[in-house]
């Protein structure tokens, strides 16, 4: 997600947190502590924070084993996730517990789990990815693997891509479909890969070509930051005026990159490279300064996804209809990759429940799948963590408070699909 200084708005995503490897106490499982690269700098923008299935078909030749140990053919995520309803997943705090812990607390066995690693993938993180994938395999589901080129896009060399493919082959051969979210929030100005549409689209296409050719159990997820506040002026990686990137971003041809330019289109890698589209959208409150415990406006989430939001946080109605353009228009399944609502550390129990419930009723309510027919996956961001934007801990999680967890479970809609609805792989010979 992006934040800009001086009263501009936060738009969809979570705050920066270093990607680390940690030991999960339950079973001493090494797992990625999911978090974005720490790109925040003082006085500048900070970063934080689904059609076609090119190169990935049911009945692929990648062999794997399901949770029962049966040899199977690993399916691509769009085939593995249920076609009826919407899969409900989680962005877990891998350092605080396991997916089984989340299921025990909430009664929800997630259909997907989000994890993060740098790219190139450090050797320690290779093992962490395997351990996270094993948790997903045990319960059933899809791994959403976010890849962060923290050393810049130039570091994603052919050798790095080959190593990534080998890792994905290992994970999918174990019976876990993978959604690859490469260099997310690329339209922001806070990451080393941000606002470089020329290099970004070339890198995404190179990775997609290799994944599609060699890993039929994996698919590519394209996920920009929500466009409110674009072009996020002041960030360390903002496009340099007069550069080729700035020219590519000047979609209205007025000679400058401004809020009137399209925040998504210049970064589109092409239909043949993208299998899923997605976005992170959070309720950080109603207006700057952030950190106040405020109920979300009715209809806010749908309005932001469809480019019609005009409310307490400002008028974003000039933004493109992301869901309509890239989900329906391009024929791609859409994922709400990360979502949650801000509850401060000091909020009382009733206030915290009211805010979270108001947001999850937008996430889980009937209006969202009705307005976004391409929606296939929703992941709740289940962390309680320090957020630099608010200078304190934000309690995003629904699993850490038994009363909140029970209320969340009680509000699950009929269309929400859990791990038991996922078919990670078909028996060999099927498809």
Foldseek 3Di string as FASTA:
>chain_A
DKDFPDWADAWFFAFADPWDWAQAPVVRFIAIQAGHHFQDDPNFMADGHKADFFLAAFQDPQWAAALVRAIFFFHAQVQQFDPFFAFEAAADRRRHHALVLLCVQQVFNGQEYEHEAEQLGDPSNLSNVLRNLVSCRNSFHAYEYEYAPQVALVSCDPVSLVVVLVSLSVSVNHLHQYEYEYHEQQLEQRGRNHLQQVSLLVSLQVSLVSCSNRPNSYFYEHEHEQLRPPPRPGYPRHDDQPDPSQVLQPQVPPRGRDSLTASPVSNDNDLNRHATYEYGGEAQDQTPPGDDLHADDPPQVLCSQQQQDDDSSHGRNSHHNNLCCVPVVSRIQYENPEYFYWDFPPDDPVSVLNRRVSVVCVVQPPVNCVSRVSYHYYYYHADFQQGPSNRHTTHRHQRPDSVSSHVSSVPHDPSHDGSVNGDRGHHNPDD
